[in-house]
């Protein structure tokens, strides 16, 4: 079993690297984001996550070879609600994501049973996106591994050594080992816009998603307010809380410079969680309904955009902590 999971982990990484290398000569979009609760002065709960993402060029881009892929997937998904190849752009994204959950006290080799367990997760996802200036829709699939094969323990130890933080000692007790996967769908819509390009603009939008997965099954909906100059077409900042690649399509504006500030607030209904159902002797409670909030900003120079957000989720674990709070740093580049 462990050999099989080791092969799956390395296959996920190899497949993603192959996609990146094959796309390096095309006019596509790349993103790296890093979540860490150290950015808000904490070290508990959802403690660290890294995501590498790639998006093909939009289907309307006649200068890029990957636009042919976008046009093809647009045709394949034309019958799906929210996908309109005649009036919208389409693109295909790939994302490799690793994240970890830890207890409040990481100094113990045997974690307390009334706290969260150690858990690591590594997944590869792919999503077809279709969008215009007022809507965005995505349909995706993902597969991943939970347990030592995720590499989460080694990642946290390396980060803590690099930052001079306390060494986590309980990874020998982590959950797993399992293969997980599922499907997801996302839709967002712009509700209001005020201002013109080059001047101060304001926007209000909403976004919702549903995921059916053996790792996490949930339904979420939220609202986003955004203001700034030369706002990108995409009105849903990826780093604002969806943990998907929804923010990549048209993430950069055509002016080559600009900034934005945004606030997001949402609800998340979680009927199934791998963490809760496979925690064994650990005694902790998870709320079915979570409240999420985030505040952040972006800055764009030419084909490079940087983003920073501070995020909190209430009710995720009720025994020892009232909320998960962490920061995310994101860097997006269009080639």
C-alpha atoms as a PDB file:
ATOM      1  CA  UNK A   1       0.000   0.000   0.000  1.00  0.00           C
ATOM      2  CA  UNK A   2       2.766   2.450   0.930  1.00  0.00           C
ATOM      3  CA  UNK A   3       4.652   1.641  -2.274  1.00  0.00           C
ATOM      4  CA  UNK A   4       1.487   2.319  -4.290  1.00  0.00           C
ATOM      5  CA  UNK A   5       0.935   5.670  -2.576  1.00  0.00           C
ATOM      6  CA  UNK A   6       4.581   6.608  -3.049  1.00  0.00           C
ATOM      7  CA  UNK A   7       4.171   5.983  -6.774  1.00  0.00           C
ATOM      8  CA  UNK A   8       0.961   8.031  -6.851  1.00  0.00           C
ATOM      9  CA  UNK A   9       2.645  10.968  -5.112  1.00  0.00           C
ATOM     10  CA  UNK A  10       5.581  10.947  -7.507  1.00  0.00           C
ATOM     11  CA  UNK A  11       3.251  10.510 -10.483  1.00  0.00           C
ATOM     12  CA  UNK A  12       1.271  13.597  -9.427  1.00  0.00           C
ATOM     13  CA  UNK A  13       4.442  15.652  -9.151  1.00  0.00           C
ATOM     14  CA  UNK A  14       5.879  14.331 -12.431  1.00  0.00           C
ATOM     15  CA  UNK A  15       2.646  15.000 -14.318  1.00  0.00           C
ATOM     16  CA  UNK A  16       2.476  18.555 -13.040  1.00  0.00           C
ATOM     17  CA  UNK A  17       6.120  19.248 -13.917  1.00  0.00           C
ATOM     18  CA  UNK A  18       5.510  17.848 -17.400  1.00  0.00           C
ATOM     19  CA  UNK A  19       2.608  20.275 -17.854  1.00  0.00           C
ATOM     20  CA  UNK A  20       4.760  23.212 -16.702  1.00  0.00           C
ATOM     21  CA  UNK A  21       7.677  22.318 -18.964  1.00  0.00           C
ATOM     22  CA  UNK A  22       5.481  21.789 -22.001  1.00  0.00           C
ATOM     23  CA  UNK A  23       3.802  25.151 -21.371  1.00  0.00           C
ATOM     24  CA  UNK A  24       6.952  27.176 -20.719  1.00  0.00           C
ATOM     25  CA  UNK A  25       7.153  28.455 -24.292  1.00  0.00           C
ATOM     26  CA  UNK A  26       3.493  29.491 -24.473  1.00  0.00           C
ATOM     27  CA  UNK A  27       1.666  32.684 -23.471  1.00  0.00           C
ATOM     28  CA  UNK A  28       0.103  31.217 -20.355  1.00  0.00           C
ATOM     29  CA  UNK A  29      -0.414  32.067 -16.682  1.00  0.00           C
ATOM     30  CA  UNK A  30       1.502  30.642 -13.728  1.00  0.00           C
ATOM     31  CA  UNK A  31       0.846  31.080 -10.002  1.00  0.00           C
ATOM     32  CA  UNK A  32       2.453  30.150  -6.712  1.00  0.00           C
ATOM     33  CA  UNK A  33       0.722  30.766  -3.398  1.00  0.00           C
ATOM     34  CA  UNK A  34       1.837  30.097   0.161  1.00  0.00           C
ATOM     35  CA  UNK A  35      -0.453  29.862   3.183  1.00  0.00           C
ATOM     36  CA  UNK A  36       1.034  29.999   6.679  1.00  0.00           C
ATOM     37  CA  UNK A  37      -0.329  30.891  10.087  1.00  0.00           C
ATOM     38  CA  UNK A  38       3.115  32.265  10.986  1.00  0.00           C
ATOM     39  CA  UNK A  39       2.117  35.276   8.839  1.00  0.00           C
ATOM     40  CA  UNK A  40      -0.431  36.169  11.531  1.00  0.00           C
ATOM     41  CA  UNK A  41       1.785  35.213  14.474  1.00  0.00           C
ATOM     42  CA  UNK A  42       0.218  31.803  15.169  1.00  0.00           C
ATOM     43  CA  UNK A  43       1.245  28.175  14.759  1.00  0.00           C
ATOM     44  CA  UNK A  44      -1.788  25.927  15.094  1.00  0.00           C
ATOM     45  CA  UNK A  45      -4.635  24.389  13.093  1.00  0.00           C
ATOM     46  CA  UNK A  46      -4.247  24.893   9.341  1.00  0.00           C
ATOM     47  CA  UNK A  47      -0.581  25.698   9.579  1.00  0.00           C
ATOM     48  CA  UNK A  48       0.934  25.663   6.080  1.00  0.00           C
ATOM     49  CA  UNK A  49      -0.020  25.177   2.441  1.00  0.00           C
ATOM     50  CA  UNK A  50       1.663  25.613  -0.953  1.00  0.00           C
ATOM     51  CA  UNK A  51       0.006  25.592  -4.372  1.00  0.00           C
ATOM     52  CA  UNK A  52       1.603  25.683  -7.844  1.00  0.00           C
ATOM     53  CA  UNK A  53      -0.815  26.392 -10.692  1.00  0.00           C
ATOM     54  CA  UNK A  54      -0.794  26.711 -14.468  1.00  0.00           C
ATOM     55  CA  UNK A  55      -3.524  28.068 -16.798  1.00  0.00           C
ATOM     56  CA  UNK A  56      -3.602  27.739 -20.575  1.00  0.00           C
ATOM     57  CA  UNK A  57      -4.103  30.838 -22.697  1.00  0.00           C
ATOM     58  CA  UNK A  58      -7.733  31.905 -23.244  1.00  0.00           C
ATOM     59  CA  UNK A  59      -9.486  30.408 -26.243  1.00  0.00           C
ATOM     60  CA  UNK A  60      -9.678  33.829 -27.960  1.00  0.00           C
ATOM     61  CA  UNK A  61      -5.858  34.201 -27.997  1.00  0.00           C
ATOM     62  CA  UNK A  62      -4.850  33.355 -31.530  1.00  0.00           C
ATOM     63  CA  UNK A  63      -1.123  33.892 -30.822  1.00  0.00           C
ATOM     64  CA  UNK A  64      -0.673  31.028 -28.355  1.00  0.00           C
ATOM     65  CA  UNK A  65      -0.485  27.324 -29.034  1.00  0.00           C
ATOM     66  CA  UNK A  66      -2.238  26.435 -25.777  1.00  0.00           C
ATOM     67  CA  UNK A  67      -5.296  28.409 -26.931  1.00  0.00           C
ATOM     68  CA  UNK A  68      -6.065  25.416 -29.138  1.00  0.00           C
ATOM     69  CA  UNK A  69      -6.401  23.326 -25.971  1.00  0.00           C
ATOM     70  CA  UNK A  70      -8.696  25.973 -24.470  1.00  0.00           C
ATOM     71  CA  UNK A  71     -10.858  25.972 -27.603  1.00  0.00           C
ATOM     72  CA  UNK A  72     -11.090  22.175 -27.506  1.00  0.00           C
ATOM     73  CA  UNK A  73     -12.177  21.961 -23.862  1.00  0.00           C
ATOM     74  CA  UNK A  74     -14.677  24.760 -24.507  1.00  0.00           C
ATOM     75  CA  UNK A  75     -16.289  22.599 -27.165  1.00  0.00           C
ATOM     76  CA  UNK A  76     -16.262  19.498 -24.965  1.00  0.00           C
ATOM     77  CA  UNK A  77     -17.989  21.319 -22.095  1.00  0.00           C
ATOM     78  CA  UNK A  78     -20.373  23.414 -24.197  1.00  0.00           C
ATOM     79  CA  UNK A  79     -23.407  21.503 -22.881  1.00  0.00           C
ATOM     80  CA  UNK A  80     -22.519  22.328 -19.242  1.00  0.00           C
ATOM     81  CA  UNK A  81     -24.386  25.231 -17.553  1.00  0.00           C
ATOM     82  CA  UNK A  82     -22.376  28.458 -17.620  1.00  0.00           C
ATOM     83  CA  UNK A  83     -20.099  27.444 -20.542  1.00  0.00           C
ATOM     84  CA  UNK A  84     -20.656  29.440 -23.733  1.00  0.00           C
ATOM     85  CA  UNK A  85     -17.806  29.149 -26.285  1.00  0.00           C
ATOM     86  CA  UNK A  86     -19.425  31.692 -28.616  1.00  0.00           C
ATOM     87  CA  UNK A  87     -19.528  34.552 -26.094  1.00  0.00           C
ATOM     88  CA  UNK A  88     -16.993  33.544 -23.432  1.00  0.00           C
ATOM     89  CA  UNK A  89     -13.331  32.595 -23.079  1.00  0.00           C
ATOM     90  CA  UNK A  90     -12.306  29.124 -21.912  1.00  0.00           C
ATOM     91  CA  UNK A  91      -9.073  27.811 -20.428  1.00  0.00           C
ATOM     92  CA  UNK A  92      -7.759  24.723 -18.632  1.00  0.00           C
ATOM     93  CA  UNK A  93      -5.902  24.875 -15.303  1.00  0.00           C
ATOM     94  CA  UNK A  94      -3.691  22.390 -13.456  1.00  0.00           C
ATOM     95  CA  UNK A  95      -2.793  22.801  -9.798  1.00  0.00           C
ATOM     96  CA  UNK A  96      -0.502  20.878  -7.421  1.00  0.00           C
ATOM     97  CA  UNK A  97      -1.350  21.581  -3.792  1.00  0.00           C
ATOM     98  CA  UNK A  98       0.105  20.495  -0.462  1.00  0.00           C
ATOM     99  CA  UNK A  99      -1.217  21.499   2.931  1.00  0.00           C
ATOM    100  CA  UNK A 100      -1.122  20.356   6.541  1.00  0.00           C
ATOM    101  CA  UNK A 101      -3.101  20.511   9.764  1.00  0.00           C
ATOM    102  CA  UNK A 102      -1.414  20.350  13.187  1.00  0.00           C
ATOM    103  CA  UNK A 103      -2.450  20.502  16.855  1.00  0.00           C
ATOM    104  CA  UNK A 104      -1.971  23.631  18.956  1.00  0.00           C
ATOM    105  CA  UNK A 105       1.005  22.126  20.824  1.00  0.00           C
ATOM    106  CA  UNK A 106       3.558  20.843  18.311  1.00  0.00           C
ATOM    107  CA  UNK A 107       6.252  20.233  20.948  1.00  0.00           C
ATOM    108  CA  UNK A 108       4.707  16.907  22.025  1.00  0.00           C
ATOM    109  CA  UNK A 109       5.694  13.647  20.324  1.00  0.00           C
ATOM    110  CA  UNK A 110       2.345  12.191  21.414  1.00  0.00           C
ATOM    111  CA  UNK A 111      -0.291  14.842  20.583  1.00  0.00           C
ATOM    112  CA  UNK A 112      -3.130  15.437  23.037  1.00  0.00           C
ATOM    113  CA  UNK A 113      -6.237  13.481  22.120  1.00  0.00           C
ATOM    114  CA  UNK A 114      -8.511  16.467  22.798  1.00  0.00           C
ATOM    115  CA  UNK A 115      -6.802  18.461  20.043  1.00  0.00           C
ATOM    116  CA  UNK A 116      -6.473  18.185  16.261  1.00  0.00           C
ATOM    117  CA  UNK A 117      -4.254  15.378  14.897  1.00  0.00           C
ATOM    118  CA  UNK A 118      -1.387  15.859  12.451  1.00  0.00           C
ATOM    119  CA  UNK A 119      -2.568  15.469   8.846  1.00  0.00           C
ATOM    120  CA  UNK A 120      -0.865  16.055   5.485  1.00  0.00           C
ATOM    121  CA  UNK A 121      -2.457  16.258   2.038  1.00  0.00           C
ATOM    122  CA  UNK A 122      -1.051  16.399  -1.509  1.00  0.00           C
ATOM    123  CA  UNK A 123      -3.327  16.682  -4.555  1.00  0.00           C
ATOM    124  CA  UNK A 124      -3.378  17.399  -8.272  1.00  0.00           C
ATOM    125  CA  UNK A 125      -6.453  19.089  -9.739  1.00  0.00           C
ATOM    126  CA  UNK A 126      -7.586  20.189 -13.179  1.00  0.00           C
ATOM    127  CA  UNK A 127     -10.421  22.624 -13.955  1.00  0.00           C
ATOM    128  CA  UNK A 128     -12.089  23.902 -17.101  1.00  0.00           C
ATOM    129  CA  UNK A 129     -12.904  27.630 -16.757  1.00  0.00           C
ATOM    130  CA  UNK A 130     -15.359  29.676 -18.844  1.00  0.00           C
ATOM    131  CA  UNK A 131     -15.748  33.415 -18.253  1.00  0.00           C
ATOM    132  CA  UNK A 132     -16.608  36.887 -19.476  1.00  0.00           C
ATOM    133  CA  UNK A 133     -16.614  40.304 -17.805  1.00  0.00           C
ATOM    134  CA  UNK A 134     -19.594  39.443 -15.569  1.00  0.00           C
ATOM    135  CA  UNK A 135     -19.506  35.689 -14.883  1.00  0.00           C
ATOM    136  CA  UNK A 136     -17.074  32.822 -14.331  1.00  0.00           C
ATOM    137  CA  UNK A 137     -17.821  29.082 -14.181  1.00  0.00           C
ATOM    138  CA  UNK A 138     -15.535  26.117 -13.564  1.00  0.00           C
ATOM    139  CA  UNK A 139     -15.784  22.315 -13.527  1.00  0.00           C
ATOM    140  CA  UNK A 140     -12.925  20.293 -12.082  1.00  0.00           C
ATOM    141  CA  UNK A 141     -11.580  16.997 -10.804  1.00  0.00           C
ATOM    142  CA  UNK A 142      -8.862  16.182  -8.273  1.00  0.00           C
ATOM    143  CA  UNK A 143      -6.923  13.224  -6.852  1.00  0.00           C
ATOM    144  CA  UNK A 144      -4.606  13.176  -3.871  1.00  0.00           C
ATOM    145  CA  UNK A 145      -2.914  11.305  -1.022  1.00  0.00           C
ATOM    146  CA  UNK A 146      -3.216  11.696   2.740  1.00  0.00           C
ATOM    147  CA  UNK A 147      -0.424  10.579   5.056  1.00  0.00           C
ATOM    148  CA  UNK A 148       3.384  10.452   5.045  1.00  0.00           C
ATOM    149  CA  UNK A 149       3.416  10.182   1.232  1.00  0.00           C
ATOM    150  CA  UNK A 150       2.081  13.760   1.055  1.00  0.00           C
ATOM    151  CA  UNK A 151       5.472  15.045   2.220  1.00  0.00           C
ATOM    152  CA  UNK A 152       3.745  17.501   4.579  1.00  0.00           C
ATOM    153  CA  UNK A 153       5.783  16.537   7.628  1.00  0.00           C
ATOM    154  CA  UNK A 154       9.099  17.109   5.865  1.00  0.00           C
ATOM    155  CA  UNK A 155       7.811  20.408   4.469  1.00  0.00           C
ATOM    156  CA  UNK A 156       6.811  21.766   7.865  1.00  0.00           C
ATOM    157  CA  UNK A 157      10.083  20.738   9.470  1.00  0.00           C
ATOM    158  CA  UNK A 158      11.998  22.485   6.663  1.00  0.00           C
ATOM    159  CA  UNK A 159       9.932  25.690   6.964  1.00  0.00           C
ATOM    160  CA  UNK A 160      10.305  25.761  10.742  1.00  0.00           C
ATOM    161  CA  UNK A 161      14.054  25.228  10.470  1.00  0.00           C
ATOM    162  CA  UNK A 162      14.272  28.003   7.874  1.00  0.00           C
ATOM    163  CA  UNK A 163      12.250  30.451  10.008  1.00  0.00           C
ATOM    164  CA  UNK A 164      13.802  29.458  13.344  1.00  0.00           C
ATOM    165  CA  UNK A 165      10.440  28.215  14.658  1.00  0.00           C
ATOM    166  CA  UNK A 166       9.796  25.388  17.072  1.00  0.00           C
ATOM    167  CA  UNK A 167      10.384  21.904  15.653  1.00  0.00           C
ATOM    168  CA  UNK A 168       7.170  19.882  15.192  1.00  0.00           C
ATOM    169  CA  UNK A 169       7.636  16.549  16.962  1.00  0.00           C
ATOM    170  CA  UNK A 170       4.396  14.643  16.422  1.00  0.00           C
ATOM    171  CA  UNK A 171       4.389  13.817  12.719  1.00  0.00           C
ATOM    172  CA  UNK A 172       4.991  10.156  13.561  1.00  0.00           C
ATOM    173  CA  UNK A 173       1.351  10.089  14.708  1.00  0.00           C
ATOM    174  CA  UNK A 174      -0.161  11.654  11.563  1.00  0.00           C
ATOM    175  CA  UNK A 175      -3.335  10.399   9.886  1.00  0.00           C
ATOM    176  CA  UNK A 176      -3.276   8.243   6.772  1.00  0.00           C
ATOM    177  CA  UNK A 177      -2.337   6.572   4.552  1.00  0.00           C
ATOM    178  CA  UNK A 178      -5.134   6.967   1.924  1.00  0.00           C
ATOM    179  CA  UNK A 179      -5.899   7.920  -1.668  1.00  0.00           C
ATOM    180  CA  UNK A 180      -8.674  10.521  -1.982  1.00  0.00           C
ATOM    181  CA  UNK A 181     -10.354  12.366  -4.840  1.00  0.00           C
ATOM    182  CA  UNK A 182     -13.497  13.984  -6.142  1.00  0.00           C
ATOM    183  CA  UNK A 183     -15.115  16.612  -8.340  1.00  0.00           C
ATOM    184  CA  UNK A 184     -16.031  20.261  -7.889  1.00  0.00           C
ATOM    185  CA  UNK A 185     -17.927  23.094  -9.580  1.00  0.00           C
ATOM    186  CA  UNK A 186     -17.648  26.876  -9.106  1.00  0.00           C
ATOM    187  CA  UNK A 187     -19.687  29.848 -10.299  1.00  0.00           C
ATOM    188  CA  UNK A 188     -19.306  33.583  -9.708  1.00  0.00           C
ATOM    189  CA  UNK A 189     -21.195  36.636 -10.901  1.00  0.00           C
ATOM    190  CA  UNK A 190     -20.509  40.374 -10.803  1.00  0.00           C
ATOM    191  CA  UNK A 191     -23.402  42.268  -9.220  1.00  0.00           C
ATOM    192  CA  UNK A 192     -22.295  45.898  -9.416  1.00  0.00           C
ATOM    193  CA  UNK A 193     -19.486  48.008 -10.869  1.00  0.00           C
ATOM    194  CA  UNK A 194     -18.742  51.697 -10.594  1.00  0.00           C
ATOM    195  CA  UNK A 195     -15.910  53.749 -12.114  1.00  0.00           C
ATOM    196  CA  UNK A 196     -13.837  53.578 -15.292  1.00  0.00           C
ATOM    197  CA  UNK A 197     -10.353  52.353 -16.202  1.00  0.00           C
ATOM    198  CA  UNK A 198      -7.595  54.609 -14.916  1.00  0.00           C
ATOM    199  CA  UNK A 199      -9.850  55.955 -12.177  1.00  0.00           C
ATOM    200  CA  UNK A 200     -10.919  54.485  -8.843  1.00  0.00           C
ATOM    201  CA  UNK A 201     -13.227  51.516  -9.475  1.00  0.00           C
ATOM    202  CA  UNK A 202     -15.539  49.622  -7.124  1.00  0.00           C
ATOM    203  CA  UNK A 203     -17.097  46.169  -7.562  1.00  0.00           C
ATOM    204  CA  UNK A 204     -19.393  43.808  -5.681  1.00  0.00           C
ATOM    205  CA  UNK A 205     -19.653  40.141  -6.683  1.00  0.00           C
ATOM    206  CA  UNK A 206     -20.642  36.769  -5.318  1.00  0.00           C
ATOM    207  CA  UNK A 207     -19.177  33.299  -5.804  1.00  0.00           C
ATOM    208  CA  UNK A 208     -20.284  29.799  -4.826  1.00  0.00           C
ATOM    209  CA  UNK A 209     -18.838  26.318  -5.112  1.00  0.00           C
ATOM    210  CA  UNK A 210     -19.714  22.700  -4.414  1.00  0.00           C
ATOM    211  CA  UNK A 211     -17.293  19.809  -3.909  1.00  0.00           C
ATOM    212  CA  UNK A 212     -18.014  16.078  -3.632  1.00  0.00           C
ATOM    213  CA  UNK A 213     -14.838  14.378  -2.433  1.00  0.00           C
ATOM    214  CA  UNK A 214     -13.596  11.574  -0.213  1.00  0.00           C
ATOM    215  CA  UNK A 215     -11.406  14.199   1.481  1.00  0.00           C
ATOM    216  CA  UNK A 216     -13.887  17.060   1.921  1.00  0.00           C
ATOM    217  CA  UNK A 217     -17.476  17.523   0.790  1.00  0.00           C
ATOM    218  CA  UNK A 218     -18.772  21.058   1.095  1.00  0.00           C
ATOM    219  CA  UNK A 219     -20.974  23.820  -0.288  1.00  0.00           C
ATOM    220  CA  UNK A 220     -19.798  27.418   0.014  1.00  0.00           C
ATOM    221  CA  UNK A 221     -21.092  30.842  -0.963  1.00  0.00           C
ATOM    222  CA  UNK A 222     -19.663  34.299  -0.346  1.00  0.00           C
ATOM    223  CA  UNK A 223     -19.590  37.927  -1.332  1.00  0.00           C
ATOM    224  CA  UNK A 224     -16.605  40.064  -2.406  1.00  0.00           C
ATOM    225  CA  UNK A 225     -16.138  43.831  -2.426  1.00  0.00           C
ATOM    226  CA  UNK A 226     -13.154  45.149  -4.395  1.00  0.00           C
ATOM    227  CA  UNK A 227     -11.770  48.586  -5.148  1.00  0.00           C
ATOM    228  CA  UNK A 228      -8.675  49.810  -6.985  1.00  0.00           C
ATOM    229  CA  UNK A 229      -7.258  51.141 -10.245  1.00  0.00           C
ATOM    230  CA  UNK A 230      -7.062  49.120 -13.472  1.00  0.00           C
ATOM    231  CA  UNK A 231      -8.932  46.196 -11.919  1.00  0.00           C
ATOM    232  CA  UNK A 232      -8.462  42.881 -13.753  1.00  0.00           C
ATOM    233  CA  UNK A 233     -11.445  41.362 -15.543  1.00  0.00           C
ATOM    234  CA  UNK A 234     -11.570  38.527 -12.994  1.00  0.00           C
ATOM    235  CA  UNK A 235     -13.612  39.762 -10.036  1.00  0.00           C
ATOM    236  CA  UNK A 236     -12.980  36.723  -7.754  1.00  0.00           C
ATOM    237  CA  UNK A 237      -9.517  36.893  -6.122  1.00  0.00           C
ATOM    238  CA  UNK A 238      -8.291  33.286  -5.860  1.00  0.00           C
ATOM    239  CA  UNK A 239      -6.292  34.089  -2.756  1.00  0.00           C
ATOM    240  CA  UNK A 240      -9.504  35.351  -1.112  1.00  0.00           C
ATOM    241  CA  UNK A 241     -10.558  31.964   0.143  1.00  0.00           C
ATOM    242  CA  UNK A 242     -11.636  29.313  -2.392  1.00  0.00           C
ATOM    243  CA  UNK A 243      -8.337  27.377  -2.454  1.00  0.00           C
ATOM    244  CA  UNK A 244      -8.899  26.708  -6.146  1.00  0.00           C
ATOM    245  CA  UNK A 245      -7.615  28.352  -9.333  1.00  0.00           C
ATOM    246  CA  UNK A 246     -10.733  30.501  -9.813  1.00  0.00           C
ATOM    247  CA  UNK A 247      -8.591  33.656  -9.634  1.00  0.00           C
ATOM    248  CA  UNK A 248      -6.302  32.773 -12.559  1.00  0.00           C
ATOM    249  CA  UNK A 249      -8.471  33.476 -15.651  1.00  0.00           C
ATOM    250  CA  UNK A 250      -7.881  37.152 -16.633  1.00  0.00           C
ATOM    251  CA  UNK A 251      -6.055  37.714 -13.340  1.00  0.00           C
ATOM    252  CA  UNK A 252      -3.885  40.497 -14.802  1.00  0.00           C
ATOM    253  CA  UNK A 253      -5.154  43.692 -16.372  1.00  0.00           C
ATOM    254  CA  UNK A 254      -4.132  44.896 -19.832  1.00  0.00           C
ATOM    255  CA  UNK A 255      -2.709  48.197 -18.557  1.00  0.00           C
ATOM    256  CA  UNK A 256       0.381  46.497 -17.120  1.00  0.00           C
ATOM    257  CA  UNK A 257       0.000  48.197 -13.740  1.00  0.00           C
ATOM    258  CA  UNK A 258      -2.678  48.570 -11.109  1.00  0.00           C
ATOM    259  CA  UNK A 259      -3.726  47.745  -7.572  1.00  0.00           C
ATOM    260  CA  UNK A 260      -6.729  46.462  -5.660  1.00  0.00           C
ATOM    261  CA  UNK A 261      -8.005  46.050  -2.108  1.00  0.00           C
ATOM    262  CA  UNK A 262     -10.750  43.555  -1.335  1.00  0.00           C
ATOM    263  CA  UNK A 263     -12.854  42.099   1.467  1.00  0.00           C
ATOM    264  CA  UNK A 264     -14.587  38.722   1.336  1.00  0.00           C
ATOM    265  CA  UNK A 265     -17.181  37.144   3.629  1.00  0.00           C
ATOM    266  CA  UNK A 266     -18.775  33.725   3.185  1.00  0.00           C
ATOM    267  CA  UNK A 267     -20.450  30.619   4.601  1.00  0.00           C
ATOM    268  CA  UNK A 268     -19.224  27.039   4.193  1.00  0.00           C
ATOM    269  CA  UNK A 269     -21.399  23.970   4.864  1.00  0.00           C
ATOM    270  CA  UNK A 270     -19.279  20.836   5.449  1.00  0.00           C
ATOM    271  CA  UNK A 271     -21.304  17.594   5.721  1.00  0.00           C
ATOM    272  CA  UNK A 272     -18.198  15.375   5.394  1.00  0.00           C
ATOM    273  CA  UNK A 273     -14.572  15.799   6.461  1.00  0.00           C
ATOM    274  CA  UNK A 274     -11.849  13.147   6.201  1.00  0.00           C
ATOM    275  CA  UNK A 275     -10.136  14.784   9.161  1.00  0.00           C
ATOM    276  CA  UNK A 276     -13.163  14.257  11.399  1.00  0.00           C
ATOM    277  CA  UNK A 277     -14.168  10.779  10.207  1.00  0.00           C
ATOM    278  CA  UNK A 278     -10.648   9.312  10.352  1.00  0.00           C
ATOM    279  CA  UNK A 279      -9.263  10.915  13.509  1.00  0.00           C
ATOM    280  CA  UNK A 280      -9.703   7.733  15.571  1.00  0.00           C
ATOM    281  CA  UNK A 281      -9.211   8.411  19.293  1.00  0.00           C
ATOM    282  CA  UNK A 282      -8.915  12.199  18.880  1.00  0.00           C
ATOM    283  CA  UNK A 283     -11.821  13.965  20.553  1.00  0.00           C
ATOM    284  CA  UNK A 284     -12.583  17.244  18.812  1.00  0.00           C
ATOM    285  CA  UNK A 285     -15.658  18.767  17.235  1.00  0.00           C
ATOM    286  CA  UNK A 286     -16.108  20.349  13.830  1.00  0.00           C
ATOM    287  CA  UNK A 287     -18.981  22.659  12.965  1.00  0.00           C
ATOM    288  CA  UNK A 288     -21.134  21.811   9.966  1.00  0.00           C
ATOM    289  CA  UNK A 289     -21.438  25.526   9.162  1.00  0.00           C
ATOM    290  CA  UNK A 290     -18.328  27.715   9.019  1.00  0.00           C
ATOM    291  CA  UNK A 291     -18.003  31.473   8.648  1.00  0.00           C
ATOM    292  CA  UNK A 292     -15.083  32.673   6.512  1.00  0.00           C
ATOM    293  CA  UNK A 293     -13.663  36.179   6.226  1.00  0.00           C
ATOM    294  CA  UNK A 294     -10.663  37.635   4.418  1.00  0.00           C
ATOM    295  CA  UNK A 295      -9.088  40.978   3.637  1.00  0.00           C
ATOM    296  CA  UNK A 296      -6.312  41.475   1.116  1.00  0.00           C
ATOM    297  CA  UNK A 297      -4.631  43.486  -1.603  1.00  0.00           C
ATOM    298  CA  UNK A 298      -2.878  43.030  -4.950  1.00  0.00           C
ATOM    299  CA  UNK A 299      -0.300  45.024  -6.906  1.00  0.00           C
ATOM    300  CA  UNK A 300       0.543  44.487 -10.581  1.00  0.00           C
ATOM    301  CA  UNK A 301       3.702  45.398 -12.500  1.00  0.00           C
ATOM    302  CA  UNK A 302       3.556  44.551 -16.210  1.00  0.00           C
ATOM    303  CA  UNK A 303       2.990  40.760 -16.358  1.00  0.00           C
ATOM    304  CA  UNK A 304       3.563  40.124 -12.644  1.00  0.00           C
ATOM    305  CA  UNK A 305       1.005  40.396  -9.857  1.00  0.00           C
ATOM    306  CA  UNK A 306       1.598  39.998  -6.101  1.00  0.00           C
ATOM    307  CA  UNK A 307      -1.169  39.441  -3.578  1.00  0.00           C
ATOM    308  CA  UNK A 308      -1.464  39.268   0.213  1.00  0.00           C
ATOM    309  CA  UNK A 309      -4.492  38.239   2.286  1.00  0.00           C
ATOM    310  CA  UNK A 310      -5.257  37.611   5.938  1.00  0.00           C
ATOM    311  CA  UNK A 311      -7.990  35.015   6.424  1.00  0.00           C
ATOM    312  CA  UNK A 312      -9.973  33.503   9.302  1.00  0.00           C
ATOM    313  CA  UNK A 313     -12.433  30.600   9.502  1.00  0.00           C
ATOM    314  CA  UNK A 314     -14.595  30.295  12.606  1.00  0.00           C
ATOM    315  CA  UNK A 315     -15.878  27.088  14.117  1.00  0.00           C
ATOM    316  CA  UNK A 316     -13.537  24.706  12.298  1.00  0.00           C
ATOM    317  CA  UNK A 317     -12.438  23.082  15.563  1.00  0.00           C
ATOM    318  CA  UNK A 318     -14.260  23.809  18.795  1.00  0.00           C
ATOM    319  CA  UNK A 319     -12.217  22.040  21.476  1.00  0.00           C
ATOM    320  CA  UNK A 320      -9.154  24.243  21.837  1.00  0.00           C
ATOM    321  CA  UNK A 321      -9.353  26.967  19.182  1.00  0.00           C
ATOM    322  CA  UNK A 322     -12.118  29.316  18.118  1.00  0.00           C
ATOM    323  CA  UNK A 323     -10.852  29.841  14.580  1.00  0.00           C
ATOM    324  CA  UNK A 324      -8.144  29.161  12.039  1.00  0.00           C
ATOM    325  CA  UNK A 325      -6.321  32.351  11.101  1.00  0.00           C
ATOM    326  CA  UNK A 326      -3.531  32.516   8.539  1.00  0.00           C
ATOM    327  CA  UNK A 327      -2.012  34.637   5.805  1.00  0.00           C
ATOM    328  CA  UNK A 328      -1.510  33.920   2.106  1.00  0.00           C
ATOM    329  CA  UNK A 329       1.142  35.328  -0.215  1.00  0.00           C
ATOM    330  CA  UNK A 330       0.438  34.878  -3.930  1.00  0.00           C
ATOM    331  CA  UNK A 331       2.503  35.573  -7.064  1.00  0.00           C
ATOM    332  CA  UNK A 332       0.984  35.378 -10.568  1.00  0.00           C
ATOM    333  CA  UNK A 333       2.948  35.680 -13.818  1.00  0.00           C
ATOM    334  CA  UNK A 334       1.694  35.790 -17.408  1.00  0.00           C
ATOM    335  CA  UNK A 335       4.226  34.538 -19.964  1.00  0.00           C
END
